[in-house]
Protein backbone atom coordinates (compact mmCIF):
# COMPACT_ATOMS: atom_id res chain seq x y z
CA MET A 1 0.57 26.72 68.81
CA SER A 2 1.10 23.52 70.90
CA ILE A 3 0.09 19.96 70.30
CA VAL A 4 -0.87 18.37 73.63
CA TYR A 5 -1.36 14.66 74.16
CA LYS A 6 -3.50 13.88 76.94
CA CYS A 7 -4.91 10.54 78.43
CA LYS A 8 -8.47 10.22 77.64
CA HIS A 9 -9.05 8.19 80.85
CA CYS A 10 -7.09 10.03 83.54
CA GLY A 11 -6.58 13.33 81.96
CA HIS A 12 -2.67 13.13 82.50
CA VAL A 13 -0.65 15.12 80.04
CA ILE A 14 1.39 12.58 78.21
CA GLY A 15 3.53 15.04 76.27
CA GLN A 16 3.56 18.33 74.47
CA LEU A 17 4.98 19.57 71.16
CA ASN A 18 5.57 23.38 71.01
CA GLN A 19 6.13 23.75 67.10
CA HIS A 20 5.03 26.52 64.72
CA VAL A 21 5.03 24.07 61.76
CA LEU A 22 4.65 20.32 61.94
CA HIS A 23 3.62 18.09 59.09
CA THR A 24 0.87 15.81 60.41
CA SER A 25 2.29 12.80 58.35
CA ILE A 26 5.35 12.90 60.69
CA LEU A 27 3.05 12.51 63.67
CA GLY A 28 1.23 9.55 62.02
CA TRP A 29 -2.07 11.44 61.74
CA ASP A 30 -2.43 10.26 58.13
CA GLN A 31 -2.67 6.72 59.34
CA LEU A 32 -5.94 7.58 61.35
CA THR A 33 -9.40 6.94 59.91
CA ASN A 34 -11.62 10.01 59.64
CA GLU A 35 -13.55 8.55 62.67
CA ASP A 36 -10.50 8.36 64.75
CA LYS A 37 -9.53 11.68 63.80
CA MET A 38 -12.89 13.05 64.91
CA ASN A 39 -12.60 11.12 68.25
CA MET A 40 -8.89 11.91 69.03
CA ILE A 41 -8.08 15.31 67.54
CA HIS A 42 -9.64 18.55 69.01
CA TYR A 43 -8.75 21.95 67.95
CA GLN A 44 -8.80 24.61 70.57
CA LYS A 45 -9.73 28.41 70.03
CA ASN A 46 -6.18 29.54 70.94
CA GLY A 47 -4.64 27.42 68.09
CA ASP A 48 -3.70 24.55 70.24
CA VAL A 49 -4.48 21.05 69.17
CA HIS A 50 -5.34 18.47 71.92
CA ILE A 51 -4.93 14.65 71.22
CA GLN A 52 -6.76 12.04 73.21
CA ALA A 53 -4.39 9.13 73.87
CA ILE A 54 -3.90 6.57 76.49
CA CYS A 55 -0.88 6.90 79.20
CA GLU A 56 1.10 4.02 80.13
CA ASN A 57 -0.57 3.59 83.50
CA CYS A 58 -4.09 3.34 81.93
CA GLU A 59 -2.87 1.04 79.26
CA GLU A 60 -1.50 -1.28 82.00
CA SER A 61 -4.86 -1.09 83.83
CA LEU A 62 -6.67 -1.98 80.76
CA GLY A 63 -4.31 -4.91 79.98
CA GLN A 64 -4.86 -6.26 83.72
CA HIS A 65 -8.66 -5.55 83.55
CA PRO A 66 -9.81 -6.19 79.92
CA GLN A 67 -13.52 -5.61 81.02
CA TYR A 68 -12.56 -1.85 81.36
CA HIS A 69 -12.58 -1.69 77.62
CA GLU A 70 -16.40 -1.74 77.78
CA LEU A 71 -16.47 1.64 79.75
CA ASP A 72 -16.09 5.05 78.45
CA PHE A 73 -14.43 6.04 81.70
CA PHE A 74 -12.88 3.55 84.26
CA ILE A 75 -11.15 5.89 86.56
CA GLN A 76 -13.50 7.55 89.01
C-alpha cells in the first residue's frame, strides 16, 4: 500500500509514503472535515490511497494570481 500525494492542479507527485501500517492521525487526516476527506482522499483498487494537495509551484501561482482560486483548474 502506498499513500501518494499529488497536486490537484498540475498532477505532479508531491510525495509518496510506502508503509504497510500508518495511523491516519499522524498524517493529520483526523483534522479534516468529512467534506474535505471526500474531496481529497481517494482509495484505489490496488490498495493505494491518493491524496489531492497543492504543490509549491501551484501554491505560488495562486498567491500571485488570487483570481485563480475561482477556477477548478488553472493550468491548461
